[in-house]
Amino acid sequence: MRLQVKHTAFLFILSIIIIFSGCAEKPDVLYINGKIYTMSKDNKVAEAVAVKDGKILETGSTSDLSDKYKPEETIDLRGATVLPGFIDTDGSIFEFSKNLNFINLSYANSLDEIKQLIIDRTKLASEGEWIGGYGYNESVFTEEDFQKFDKFYLDQIAPNFNVYIVNSTFSAALLNSRALRVLNINAETKSPEGGEIDKDDKGELTGLLLYESVNLVRDNMPGQLKDEIKTQLERGVQEILKYGITQVHDRSVSKEGIDIIRELIDANKFPLKIYAVLSGEDNTLIDFYMNKGTEIAYKDRLTVRSITVDYDGLIEYQKAVINEDYKNDPKKSFPYLSDNDILNLFNKAADKNFQFSIKAVGDKAVTNSLNIIENVSKQKNLKDARTILGYCEMVDAKDISRFGELKVIPSVRPDLTMTDVQITEQLISADALKKIGLWNSLLKSSGMIVAASDFPVQQINPFVQIYYLTTRQLTDTTGSSGVNTDQKISMIDAVRSYTIWPAYSSFEENIKGSIEAGKVADMIVISNDIFNIDSKELLNTKVIRTIINGSIVYEDKNLLSAGK
């Protein structure tokens, strides 16, 4: 009897120890006093979140979690709104990073303003880098400006950089002396037909290239050194983090690019997460990964498991493959690849367990792409392929239901859609407008929709894209676009299109996309409660902090000091 009592007492004490040891688990950081939209299935809103080893330990009230845990660090959110980190499902980090060295001069109203813009950019660049400017307007120059407008003017501004600036019509470019030397443009260089290399009365170069000679810059630009690319990429990633983007699905990566990203990850210089989408037109890249196979979550930063092709191009360039004729010549546009070529590549991808996506803009392109997807899905008996149809700018009503039936994930470009609704009637017909940007219908059919920016070609800011999705309005007016206004979606679905649904589209919904226990702590702290503001305030919403795997990788010191 005494032995049984002792045994019972031991079990009781042991259970107490286990309970208290579980409660005593020590988070690395505890975020308190926030308004945390977890984006969980039940749309839970929490006040606090505990993070340990880069993952979410628990969410709950500030009082409960403060009583339960004694963390290494406590961060008071002071009432700020928290969301899961944004996932942009179409962006090019290499092009974006490269473009940081390009200056938009179209708003400069004098040569002095151009000078200041170049000086500002040199502060962000490393010595010896190329600094390009575009869009300057000679009509704002004074006579004094024209007299100073030569290579020596740029030499004084940035002697240690290769500088060139191009006007708004791309008919003139001014280079500094260093850029001319690197490009091997001198007094003996022959101008291409239809161009002119300007010289002074002594036969010396002024640095000004005119008309076809402007192409000498592009044609003779040396390839970037690997270290320079790495430096630009690090800078570009830091800029991307400012927008609350914690992961990018990049459709423009090369094998060399993936290798560079991997090297930066190894050096702990790449906090951003990348879902690399291989171009089906890059045969070398495809062959390499068909032999190598998929690569999942390399150091929790890089995944390679998707292949993409472009069926057609954009409406504004009359490259979209549509059912009706364009108003202007050429009346018809044709696919970039044959249906059979896409079909074969899709089959090859399926055999190697690679996800497949097709960029389809026009209504005929969408129909034909869905036919290809249906064919391969049946032939390969695909169960959970999560095939993506990107852009979907024009969709026939008869094809809407097929997205749900074939379990195709629609990936849309809100910024591009708002451009297309303004120009489509000029290029096609008024009836075509009925097919443009059918976001709500696609969402209802598929059960989800993912949004993407296609940066740097389009606006990178997710809050601008969310504004378009939820208002169907242009940013510079309070009026509606007037086209398919019933196709806007709710705020919560718009946020899902940048969080949990993109995570699902990359087979990662169990590890990211919402703020729930066991998932990675990818979160953003923002300046406005976007669920309870006027829609116009979305355009003024800023990111205060970007957090990846529990670590703060970006914070706006000004907003923090202002108590936002």
Protein backbone atom coordinates (compact mmCIF):
# COMPACT_ATOMS: atom_id res chain seq x y z
CA MET A 1 0.00 0.00 0.00
CA ARG A 2 2.82 2.39 0.99
CA LEU A 3 4.62 1.53 -2.29
CA GLN A 4 1.50 2.33 -4.30
CA VAL A 5 1.12 5.71 -2.54
CA LYS A 6 4.76 6.55 -3.24
CA HIS A 7 4.31 5.54 -6.89
CA THR A 8 1.18 7.68 -7.23
CA ALA A 9 2.93 10.64 -5.59
CA PHE A 10 5.89 10.23 -7.94
CA LEU A 11 3.64 10.26 -11.01
CA PHE A 12 1.83 13.34 -9.69
CA ILE A 13 5.10 15.22 -9.12
CA LEU A 14 6.40 14.11 -12.51
CA SER A 15 3.28 15.38 -14.25
CA ILE A 16 3.60 18.73 -12.45
CA ILE A 17 7.24 18.98 -13.56
CA ILE A 18 6.29 18.21 -17.16
CA ILE A 19 3.50 20.80 -17.11
CA PHE A 20 5.68 23.50 -15.62
CA SER A 21 8.63 22.69 -17.85
CA GLY A 22 6.35 23.13 -20.87
CA CYS A 23 5.11 26.45 -19.54
CA ALA A 24 8.64 27.57 -18.83
CA GLU A 25 9.78 27.26 -22.45
CA LYS A 26 11.65 30.48 -23.07
CA PRO A 27 10.89 32.44 -26.26
CA ASP A 28 13.66 34.41 -27.93
CA VAL A 29 11.31 37.36 -28.29
CA LEU A 30 7.78 38.23 -27.26
CA TYR A 31 5.88 40.86 -29.24
CA ILE A 32 3.12 42.47 -27.15
CA ASN A 33 0.37 45.10 -27.39
CA GLY A 34 -0.23 44.71 -31.10
CA LYS A 35 -3.19 44.13 -33.37
CA ILE A 36 -2.04 40.91 -35.01
CA TYR A 37 -4.12 39.68 -37.94
CA THR A 38 -2.99 36.05 -38.02
CA MET A 39 -4.79 35.20 -41.30
CA SER A 40 -5.66 31.82 -39.80
CA LYS A 41 -8.75 29.98 -41.03
CA ASP A 42 -10.82 31.46 -38.21
CA ASN A 43 -9.37 34.96 -38.83
CA LYS A 44 -8.06 35.17 -35.29
CA VAL A 45 -6.79 38.58 -34.16
CA ALA A 46 -4.20 38.39 -31.37
CA GLU A 47 -2.37 40.94 -29.20
CA ALA A 48 0.91 39.09 -28.72
CA VAL A 49 3.11 36.51 -30.40
CA ALA A 50 5.96 34.49 -28.90
CA VAL A 51 8.83 33.50 -31.19
CA LYS A 52 11.48 30.85 -30.60
CA ASP A 53 14.18 29.59 -32.99
CA GLY A 54 12.65 31.56 -35.85
CA LYS A 55 9.22 29.98 -35.43
CA ILE A 56 5.99 31.04 -33.82
CA LEU A 57 5.58 29.46 -30.41
CA GLU A 58 2.16 30.84 -29.58
CA THR A 59 -0.24 33.72 -30.18
CA GLY A 60 -2.65 35.16 -27.67
CA SER A 61 -3.36 38.09 -25.39
CA THR A 62 -0.60 40.29 -24.01
CA SER A 63 -1.50 39.45 -20.42
CA ASP A 64 -1.64 35.67 -20.95
CA LEU A 65 1.63 35.40 -22.85
CA SER A 66 3.43 37.86 -20.55
CA ASP A 67 2.38 35.80 -17.53
CA LYS A 68 3.29 32.53 -19.19
CA TYR A 69 6.68 33.36 -20.68
CA LYS A 70 9.88 35.08 -19.59
CA PRO A 71 11.49 35.81 -22.97
CA GLU A 72 15.00 36.92 -23.79
CA GLU A 73 13.51 40.10 -25.29
CA THR A 74 10.13 41.82 -25.23
CA ILE A 75 9.11 44.26 -27.98
CA ASP A 76 6.16 46.57 -27.38
CA LEU A 77 4.25 47.07 -30.64
CA ARG A 78 2.37 50.02 -29.11
CA GLY A 79 -0.88 49.13 -30.81
CA ALA A 80 0.58 48.71 -34.30
CA THR A 81 -0.94 46.35 -36.84
CA VAL A 82 0.88 43.11 -37.70
CA LEU A 83 0.35 40.91 -40.77
CA PRO A 84 2.09 37.82 -42.13
CA GLY A 85 4.99 38.74 -44.43
CA PHE A 86 3.94 39.56 -47.98
CA ILE A 87 4.79 37.08 -50.76
CA ASP A 88 5.09 38.59 -54.24
CA THR A 89 4.52 35.81 -56.76
CA ASP A 90 6.15 37.57 -59.72
CA GLY A 91 9.19 39.80 -59.45
CA SER A 92 12.76 39.95 -60.68
CA ILE A 93 15.19 40.70 -57.88
CA PHE A 94 18.13 40.92 -60.30
CA GLU A 95 16.45 43.46 -62.59
CA PHE A 96 15.11 45.36 -59.61
CA SER A 97 18.57 45.51 -58.03
CA LYS A 98 20.18 46.57 -61.30
CA ASN A 99 17.63 49.35 -61.76
CA LEU A 100 18.53 50.91 -58.41
CA ASN A 101 21.47 52.50 -60.21
CA PHE A 102 19.15 54.07 -62.78
CA ILE A 103 17.77 57.52 -62.03
CA ASN A 104 14.41 58.82 -63.23
CA LEU A 105 15.24 62.31 -64.52
CA SER A 106 11.83 63.05 -66.01
CA TYR A 107 10.85 65.27 -63.08
CA ALA A 108 14.05 67.34 -63.13
CA ASN A 109 13.33 70.95 -64.10
CA SER A 110 16.92 72.11 -64.57
CA LEU A 111 20.46 70.90 -65.07
CA ASP A 112 21.14 71.63 -61.40
CA GLU A 113 18.34 69.24 -60.39
CA ILE A 114 19.85 66.54 -62.63
CA LYS A 115 23.19 67.18 -60.94
CA GLN A 116 21.71 66.70 -57.47
CA LEU A 117 19.95 63.47 -58.48
CA ILE A 118 23.23 62.03 -59.76
CA ILE A 119 25.08 63.10 -56.60
CA ASP A 120 22.39 61.43 -54.46
CA ARG A 121 22.74 58.20 -56.43
CA THR A 122 26.53 58.11 -56.06
CA LYS A 123 26.02 57.90 -52.30
CA LEU A 124 24.32 54.52 -52.81
CA ALA A 125 26.78 53.11 -55.35
CA SER A 126 30.28 51.69 -55.03
CA GLU A 127 33.18 53.36 -56.82
CA GLY A 128 33.50 52.24 -60.43
CA GLU A 129 29.84 51.24 -60.83
CA TRP A 130 27.64 52.36 -63.70
CA ILE A 131 25.11 55.06 -62.96
CA GLY A 132 22.47 55.60 -65.61
CA GLY A 133 19.78 58.23 -65.81
CA TYR A 134 16.83 58.36 -68.18
CA GLY A 135 14.07 60.73 -69.20
CA TYR A 136 15.69 64.17 -68.98
CA ASN A 137 13.85 66.88 -70.91
CA GLU A 138 15.98 69.44 -72.78
CA SER A 139 13.04 71.84 -73.03
CA VAL A 140 13.51 72.85 -69.38
CA PHE A 141 17.18 73.77 -69.95
CA THR A 142 18.27 77.41 -70.02
CA GLU A 143 20.85 78.70 -72.47
CA GLU A 144 23.36 78.54 -69.64
CA ASP A 145 22.44 74.89 -69.04
CA PHE A 146 23.13 74.02 -72.69
CA GLN A 147 26.54 75.67 -72.53
CA LYS A 148 27.51 73.51 -69.53
CA PHE A 149 25.97 70.31 -70.90
CA ASP A 150 29.00 68.18 -71.78
CA LYS A 151 31.16 65.34 -70.45
CA PHE A 152 33.12 67.70 -68.19
CA TYR A 153 29.96 68.62 -66.34
CA LEU A 154 29.39 64.94 -65.47
CA ASP A 155 33.11 64.52 -64.69
CA GLN A 156 32.84 67.13 -61.95
CA ILE A 157 29.79 65.45 -60.46
CA ALA A 158 30.95 61.81 -60.42
CA PRO A 159 34.53 61.33 -61.64
CA ASN A 160 34.83 57.88 -60.02
CA PHE A 161 31.73 56.39 -61.66
CA ASN A 162 30.70 55.51 -65.21
CA VAL A 163 27.83 57.94 -65.84
CA TYR A 164 25.46 58.24 -68.75
CA ILE A 165 22.09 59.97 -69.02
CA VAL A 166 19.52 59.55 -71.80
CA ASN A 167 16.76 61.97 -72.77
CA SER A 168 13.03 61.25 -72.76
CA THR A 169 12.91 60.30 -76.46
CA PHE A 170 16.09 58.18 -76.31
CA SER A 171 17.51 60.33 -79.12
CA ALA A 172 20.41 61.75 -77.10
CA ALA A 173 22.78 60.47 -74.42
CA LEU A 174 25.47 62.28 -72.48
CA LEU A 175 28.43 60.32 -71.06
CA ASN A 176 31.24 61.32 -68.75
CA SER A 177 34.90 60.79 -69.71
CA ARG A 178 35.23 57.59 -67.71
CA ALA A 179 32.20 55.98 -69.39
CA LEU A 180 33.54 56.94 -72.83
CA ARG A 181 36.89 55.28 -72.04
CA VAL A 182 35.30 52.08 -70.73
CA LEU A 183 33.07 51.84 -73.81
CA ASN A 184 36.06 52.54 -76.11
CA ILE A 185 34.31 55.51 -77.68
CA ASN A 186 36.87 58.05 -78.88
CA ALA A 187 37.46 60.58 -81.65
CA GLU A 188 38.24 57.75 -84.09
CA THR A 189 35.03 55.81 -83.39
CA LYS A 190 32.77 55.65 -86.40
CA SER A 191 29.18 56.65 -85.85
CA PRO A 192 26.57 54.08 -86.90
CA GLU A 193 24.30 54.97 -89.81
CA GLY A 194 21.71 57.51 -88.72
CA GLY A 195 23.73 58.54 -85.67
CA GLU A 196 26.18 61.21 -84.61
CA ILE A 197 29.05 61.36 -82.12
CA ASP A 198 29.25 65.03 -81.20
CA LYS A 199 32.62 66.83 -81.24
CA ASP A 200 33.74 70.39 -80.47
CA ASP A 201 35.61 72.74 -82.78
CA LYS A 202 38.90 71.02 -81.92
CA GLY A 203 37.56 67.59 -82.83
CA GLU A 204 37.31 66.46 -79.19
CA LEU A 205 34.35 64.46 -77.96
CA THR A 206 31.74 66.44 -76.03
CA GLY A 207 30.30 63.25 -74.57
CA LEU A 208 27.03 63.67 -76.46
CA LEU A 209 25.73 60.78 -78.61
CA LEU A 210 22.81 61.47 -80.95
CA TYR A 211 20.16 59.28 -82.56
CA GLU A 212 21.47 55.81 -83.55
CA SER A 213 24.76 56.50 -81.76
CA VAL A 214 22.89 56.20 -78.44
CA ASN A 215 22.93 52.44 -79.05
CA LEU A 216 26.73 52.45 -78.63
CA VAL A 217 26.12 52.55 -74.89
CA ARG A 218 24.02 49.41 -74.90
CA ASP A 219 26.10 47.56 -77.49
CA ASN A 220 29.46 48.17 -75.79
CA MET A 221 28.43 47.93 -72.13
CA PRO A 222 30.77 45.44 -70.44
CA GLY A 223 29.32 42.51 -68.53
CA GLN A 224 29.02 42.97 -64.79
CA LEU A 225 31.59 41.40 -62.53
CA LYS A 226 30.26 38.81 -60.10
CA ASP A 227 31.22 40.88 -57.04
CA GLU A 228 29.41 43.88 -58.48
CA ILE A 229 26.27 41.79 -59.07
CA LYS A 230 26.43 40.54 -55.48
CA THR A 231 26.76 44.09 -54.15
CA GLN A 232 23.79 45.26 -56.22
CA LEU A 233 21.75 42.24 -55.15
CA GLU A 234 22.39 42.86 -51.45
CA ARG A 235 21.29 46.46 -51.91
CA GLY A 236 18.23 45.42 -53.90
CA VAL A 237 17.13 42.91 -51.27
CA GLN A 238 17.32 45.56 -48.56
CA GLU A 239 15.12 47.81 -50.69
CA ILE A 240 12.57 45.03 -51.29
CA LEU A 241 12.32 44.39 -47.53
CA LYS A 242 11.11 47.98 -47.08
CA TYR A 243 7.86 46.96 -48.76
CA GLY A 244 7.17 44.15 -46.30
CA ILE A 245 7.98 41.49 -48.89
CA THR A 246 9.52 38.45 -47.22
CA GLN A 247 9.49 36.11 -50.23
CA VAL A 248 9.60 36.54 -54.00
CA HIS A 249 8.63 34.06 -56.68
CA ASP A 250 11.21 34.99 -59.31
CA ARG A 251 10.49 34.02 -62.93
CA SER A 252 13.72 35.48 -64.33
CA VAL A 253 16.51 33.62 -62.54
CA SER A 254 19.37 32.00 -64.44
CA LYS A 255 21.63 29.20 -63.25
CA GLU A 256 24.33 31.79 -62.51
CA GLY A 257 21.78 33.87 -60.63
CA ILE A 258 20.71 30.92 -58.48
CA ASP A 259 24.38 30.19 -57.73
CA ILE A 260 24.95 33.80 -56.65
CA ILE A 261 21.88 33.72 -54.40
CA ARG A 262 23.12 30.49 -52.83
CA GLU A 263 26.54 32.06 -52.16
CA LEU A 264 24.93 35.08 -50.50
CA ILE A 265 22.76 32.77 -48.38
CA ASP A 266 25.87 30.87 -47.31
CA ALA A 267 27.47 34.17 -46.31
CA ASN A 268 24.34 35.13 -44.34
CA LYS A 269 23.83 38.16 -46.60
CA PHE A 270 20.48 37.23 -48.12
CA PRO A 271 17.56 37.48 -45.67
CA LEU A 272 14.88 37.41 -48.38
CA LYS A 273 13.29 34.08 -49.35
CA ILE A 274 13.25 33.07 -53.02
CA TYR A 275 11.00 30.61 -54.84
CA ALA A 276 12.89 30.27 -58.11
CA VAL A 277 10.72 29.68 -61.19
CA LEU A 278 12.75 28.35 -64.13
CA SER A 279 12.14 29.71 -67.62
CA GLY A 280 11.07 26.91 -69.96
CA GLU A 281 12.86 28.73 -72.77
CA ASP A 282 16.25 28.46 -71.06
CA ASN A 283 17.20 24.99 -72.30
CA THR A 284 20.50 24.89 -70.43
CA LEU A 285 18.81 25.73 -67.14
CA ILE A 286 15.97 23.23 -67.71
CA ASP A 287 18.34 20.41 -68.66
CA PHE A 288 20.47 21.06 -65.59
CA TYR A 289 17.52 20.89 -63.19
CA MET A 290 15.87 17.98 -64.96
CA ASN A 291 19.00 16.02 -64.06
CA LYS A 292 19.48 17.58 -60.63
CA GLY A 293 15.85 17.52 -59.52
CA THR A 294 14.02 19.91 -57.24
CA GLU A 295 15.72 21.82 -54.45
CA ILE A 296 13.51 22.51 -51.43
CA ALA A 297 14.14 25.20 -48.80
CA TYR A 298 17.94 25.47 -49.03
CA LYS A 299 18.86 26.93 -45.63
CA ASP A 300 15.21 28.02 -45.42
CA ARG A 301 15.83 30.64 -48.10
CA LEU A 302 15.87 29.11 -51.60
CA THR A 303 13.50 26.68 -53.31
CA VAL A 304 13.71 25.53 -56.94
CA ARG A 305 10.71 23.40 -57.99
CA SER A 306 8.76 25.29 -60.66
CA ILE A 307 8.95 25.83 -64.44
CA THR A 308 7.18 28.54 -66.42
CA VAL A 309 6.52 29.51 -70.04
CA ASP A 310 5.01 32.58 -71.69
CA TYR A 311 2.14 31.74 -74.01
CA ASP A 312 1.79 35.34 -75.22
CA GLY A 313 2.57 38.98 -74.41
CA LEU A 314 0.82 42.13 -73.27
CA ILE A 315 -2.32 43.74 -74.69
CA GLU A 316 -0.75 47.20 -74.96
CA TYR A 317 1.85 45.85 -77.42
CA GLN A 318 -0.77 43.81 -79.30
CA LYS A 319 1.08 40.67 -78.28
CA ALA A 320 -1.81 39.07 -76.39
CA VAL A 321 -3.34 36.13 -78.27
CA ILE A 322 -7.04 36.98 -78.52
CA ASN A 323 -10.10 35.62 -80.32
CA GLU A 324 -11.00 38.79 -82.20
CA ASP A 325 -8.82 40.98 -84.40
CA TYR A 326 -6.93 44.02 -83.20
CA LYS A 327 -8.05 47.32 -84.71
CA ASN A 328 -4.55 48.12 -85.95
CA ASP A 329 -2.05 46.05 -87.91
CA PRO A 330 -1.00 43.40 -87.22
CA LYS A 331 -4.55 42.26 -86.68
CA LYS A 332 -3.50 38.92 -85.20
CA SER A 333 -0.92 37.92 -82.63
CA PHE A 334 0.52 34.44 -82.34
CA PRO A 335 1.82 32.36 -79.42
CA TYR A 336 5.49 32.54 -78.48
CA LEU A 337 5.57 28.73 -78.33
CA SER A 338 3.38 26.13 -79.98
CA ASP A 339 0.79 24.33 -77.87
CA ASN A 340 2.64 21.09 -78.56
CA ASP A 341 5.95 22.53 -77.29
CA ILE A 342 4.27 23.68 -74.07
CA LEU A 343 2.52 20.33 -73.72
CA ASN A 344 5.83 18.45 -74.02
CA LEU A 345 7.57 20.68 -71.50
CA PHE A 346 4.68 20.33 -69.04
CA ASN A 347 4.88 16.54 -69.35
CA LYS A 348 8.63 16.64 -68.72
CA ALA A 349 8.14 18.87 -65.67
CA ALA A 350 5.44 16.57 -64.27
CA ASP A 351 7.72 13.54 -64.63
CA LYS A 352 10.32 15.26 -62.45
CA ASN A 353 7.81 16.60 -59.88
CA PHE A 354 8.23 20.22 -60.96
CA GLN A 355 5.31 22.59 -60.68
CA PHE A 356 4.23 24.23 -63.94
CA SER A 357 2.93 27.71 -64.70
CA ILE A 358 1.85 29.43 -67.90
CA LYS A 359 1.67 33.16 -68.53
CA ALA A 360 -1.49 33.70 -70.57
CA VAL A 361 -2.80 37.22 -71.21
CA GLY A 362 -5.38 37.08 -74.01
CA ASP A 363 -8.66 35.17 -73.89
CA LYS A 364 -7.59 32.70 -76.58
CA ALA A 365 -4.29 32.18 -74.77
CA VAL A 366 -6.18 31.40 -71.56
CA THR A 367 -8.48 28.91 -73.32
CA ASN A 368 -5.61 27.11 -75.02
CA SER A 369 -3.55 27.04 -71.82
CA LEU A 370 -6.45 25.50 -69.92
CA ASN A 371 -6.73 22.87 -72.68
CA ILE A 372 -3.03 22.03 -72.23
CA ILE A 373 -3.42 21.82 -68.46
CA GLU A 374 -6.46 19.55 -68.79
CA ASN A 375 -4.62 17.29 -71.22
CA VAL A 376 -1.54 16.81 -69.02
CA SER A 377 -3.57 16.53 -65.80
CA LYS A 378 -5.57 13.63 -67.23
CA GLN A 379 -2.63 11.96 -68.95
CA LYS A 380 -0.40 12.12 -65.85
CA ASN A 381 -3.25 11.75 -63.35
CA LEU A 382 -2.00 14.81 -61.45
CA LYS A 383 -3.52 15.03 -57.98
CA ASP A 384 -1.89 18.04 -56.33
CA ALA A 385 -0.02 19.82 -59.12
CA ARG A 386 -1.06 23.36 -58.10
CA THR A 387 -0.63 24.52 -61.68
CA ILE A 388 -0.65 28.30 -62.05
CA LEU A 389 -2.13 30.37 -64.86
CA GLY A 390 -0.53 33.80 -64.68
CA TYR A 391 -1.89 37.22 -65.69
CA CYS A 392 -5.33 35.99 -66.96
CA GLU A 393 -6.03 39.51 -68.18
CA MET A 394 -8.81 38.49 -70.56
CA VAL A 395 -10.98 35.49 -69.73
CA ASP A 396 -14.06 34.20 -71.55
CA ALA A 397 -17.05 33.60 -69.29
CA LYS A 398 -17.13 29.95 -70.43
CA ASP A 399 -13.61 29.42 -69.07
CA ILE A 400 -14.20 30.75 -65.55
CA SER A 401 -15.57 27.48 -64.17
CA ARG A 402 -12.66 25.52 -65.66
CA PHE A 403 -10.22 27.10 -63.18
CA GLY A 404 -12.05 25.42 -60.31
CA GLU A 405 -12.68 22.17 -62.18
CA LEU A 406 -8.99 21.80 -63.10
CA LYS A 407 -7.76 23.14 -59.73
CA VAL A 408 -5.77 25.86 -61.49
CA ILE A 409 -4.52 28.77 -59.39
CA PRO A 410 -5.10 32.15 -61.08
CA SER A 411 -2.25 34.64 -60.58
CA VAL A 412 -3.21 38.23 -61.43
CA ARG A 413 -1.40 41.58 -61.92
CA PRO A 414 -3.67 44.33 -60.51
CA ASP A 415 -1.47 47.22 -61.65
CA LEU A 416 -1.38 45.91 -65.22
CA THR A 417 -5.13 45.34 -65.24
CA MET A 418 -5.79 48.97 -64.31
CA THR A 419 -3.66 50.00 -67.29
CA ASP A 420 -5.41 47.58 -69.61
CA VAL A 421 -8.91 48.80 -68.77
CA GLN A 422 -7.87 52.25 -69.99
CA ILE A 423 -6.36 51.18 -73.31
CA THR A 424 -8.21 48.03 -74.41
CA GLU A 425 -11.06 49.78 -76.21
CA GLN A 426 -8.51 51.70 -78.31
CA LEU A 427 -6.88 48.45 -79.42
CA ILE A 428 -9.67 45.89 -79.58
CA SER A 429 -13.38 46.49 -78.98
CA ALA A 430 -15.70 47.65 -76.25
CA ASP A 431 -16.93 44.07 -75.80
CA ALA A 432 -13.39 42.96 -74.90
CA LEU A 433 -13.55 45.12 -71.77
CA LYS A 434 -16.10 42.72 -70.29
CA LYS A 435 -13.35 40.08 -70.12
CA ILE A 436 -10.70 42.23 -68.41
CA GLY A 437 -9.59 41.56 -64.84
CA LEU A 438 -12.27 39.13 -63.66
CA TRP A 439 -10.71 38.82 -60.19
CA ASN A 440 -13.82 38.06 -58.16
CA SER A 441 -15.11 35.46 -60.62
CA LEU A 442 -11.73 33.70 -60.71
CA LEU A 443 -11.59 33.75 -56.91
CA LYS A 444 -15.03 32.18 -56.60
CA SER A 445 -14.16 29.48 -59.10
CA SER A 446 -10.73 28.52 -57.74
CA GLY A 447 -11.32 29.28 -54.09
CA MET A 448 -8.22 31.48 -54.09
CA ILE A 449 -6.33 34.02 -56.14
CA VAL A 450 -2.73 35.16 -55.87
CA ALA A 451 -1.62 38.71 -56.64
CA ALA A 452 1.73 39.74 -58.03
CA SER A 453 3.37 42.97 -59.09
CA ASP A 454 5.81 41.92 -61.85
CA PHE A 455 8.31 44.36 -60.37
CA PRO A 456 10.36 46.26 -61.48
CA VAL A 457 8.17 46.56 -64.61
CA GLN A 458 5.12 47.39 -62.47
CA GLN A 459 4.65 48.99 -59.04
CA ILE A 460 6.28 46.84 -56.34
CA ASN A 461 4.31 48.24 -53.38
CA PRO A 462 1.81 45.56 -52.18
CA PHE A 463 -0.46 48.20 -50.65
CA VAL A 464 -0.95 49.76 -54.09
CA GLN A 465 -1.83 46.36 -55.53
CA ILE A 466 -4.24 45.71 -52.64
CA TYR A 467 -5.80 49.13 -53.25
CA TYR A 468 -6.52 48.15 -56.87
CA LEU A 469 -7.92 44.75 -55.85
CA THR A 470 -10.31 46.21 -53.27
CA THR A 471 -11.42 49.44 -54.99
CA ARG A 472 -11.02 48.95 -58.74
CA GLN A 473 -10.04 52.64 -58.74
CA LEU A 474 -7.05 54.47 -60.15
CA THR A 475 -4.68 55.91 -57.56
CA ASP A 476 -5.02 59.50 -58.81
CA THR A 477 -8.81 59.73 -58.70
CA THR A 478 -11.71 58.95 -56.40
CA GLY A 479 -13.72 57.65 -59.31
CA SER A 480 -14.06 54.05 -60.43
CA SER A 481 -12.38 52.74 -63.54
CA GLY A 482 -15.93 52.08 -64.71
CA VAL A 483 -15.07 48.58 -65.94
CA ASN A 484 -16.18 45.38 -64.20
CA THR A 485 -16.54 47.14 -60.85
CA ASP A 486 -18.19 44.00 -59.46
CA GLN A 487 -14.85 42.23 -59.83
CA LYS A 488 -13.14 43.90 -56.88
CA ILE A 489 -12.52 41.63 -53.89
CA SER A 490 -12.71 42.04 -50.11
CA MET A 491 -9.83 43.34 -48.02
CA ILE A 492 -9.30 40.03 -46.26
CA ASP A 493 -9.14 38.18 -49.59
CA ALA A 494 -6.75 40.80 -50.97
CA VAL A 495 -4.43 40.25 -48.00
CA ARG A 496 -4.76 36.49 -48.44
CA SER A 497 -3.68 36.95 -52.07
CA TYR A 498 -0.37 38.26 -50.73
CA THR A 499 0.06 35.83 -47.80
CA ILE A 500 -1.54 32.43 -47.24
CA TRP A 501 -2.63 31.77 -50.84
CA PRO A 502 0.82 32.45 -52.36
CA ALA A 503 2.22 30.14 -49.66
CA TYR A 504 -0.23 27.48 -50.84
CA SER A 505 0.74 28.10 -54.47
CA SER A 506 4.33 27.13 -53.60
CA PHE A 507 3.36 24.12 -51.43
CA GLU A 508 4.35 26.03 -48.28
CA GLU A 509 1.02 26.74 -46.57
CA ASN A 510 1.98 24.52 -43.62
CA ILE A 511 5.08 26.56 -42.82
CA LYS A 512 4.26 30.15 -43.77
CA GLY A 513 1.56 32.55 -44.92
CA SER A 514 -0.16 33.00 -41.55
CA ILE A 515 0.87 33.77 -37.98
CA GLU A 516 0.21 30.44 -36.26
CA ALA A 517 2.11 28.17 -33.91
CA GLY A 518 4.74 26.08 -35.66
CA LYS A 519 5.07 28.32 -38.71
CA VAL A 520 8.07 30.50 -39.50
CA ALA A 521 7.91 33.93 -37.92
CA ASP A 522 7.69 35.96 -41.15
CA MET A 523 5.73 39.07 -40.16
CA ILE A 524 5.42 42.77 -40.91
CA VAL A 525 4.48 45.66 -38.66
CA ILE A 526 2.64 48.42 -40.55
CA SER A 527 1.57 52.00 -39.91
CA ASN A 528 -2.20 51.60 -40.50
CA ASP A 529 -4.87 49.10 -39.57
CA ILE A 530 -5.75 48.44 -43.21
CA PHE A 531 -8.96 46.64 -42.26
CA ASN A 532 -10.34 49.78 -40.64
CA ILE A 533 -9.26 52.75 -42.76
CA ASP A 534 -10.44 54.65 -45.80
CA SER A 535 -9.23 52.88 -48.90
CA LYS A 536 -7.16 55.90 -49.99
CA GLU A 537 -5.07 55.52 -46.83
CA LEU A 538 -3.77 52.24 -48.21
CA LEU A 539 -1.60 54.35 -50.49
CA ASN A 540 -0.05 56.05 -47.45
CA THR A 541 0.51 52.87 -45.46
CA LYS A 542 4.16 52.17 -44.62
CA VAL A 543 6.07 49.20 -43.29
CA ILE A 544 7.55 49.85 -39.84
CA ARG A 545 9.30 46.50 -39.44
CA THR A 546 9.92 43.46 -41.60
CA ILE A 547 10.63 40.27 -39.66
CA ILE A 548 11.93 37.05 -41.24
CA ASN A 549 12.38 33.88 -39.19
CA GLY A 550 11.89 35.96 -36.07
CA SER A 551 14.69 38.42 -36.86
CA ILE A 552 14.08 42.08 -37.66
CA VAL A 553 15.63 42.57 -41.10
CA TYR A 554 14.25 46.07 -41.73
CA GLU A 555 12.81 48.84 -39.61
CA ASP A 556 11.87 52.44 -40.32
CA LYS A 557 13.60 54.47 -37.61
CA ASN A 558 11.53 57.58 -38.37
CA LEU A 559 8.21 55.78 -37.94
CA LEU A 560 9.46 54.08 -34.78
CA SER A 561 10.56 57.36 -33.23
CA ALA A 562 7.24 58.94 -34.20
CA GLY A 563 5.46 56.20 -32.28
CA LYS A 564 3.68 54.86 -35.35
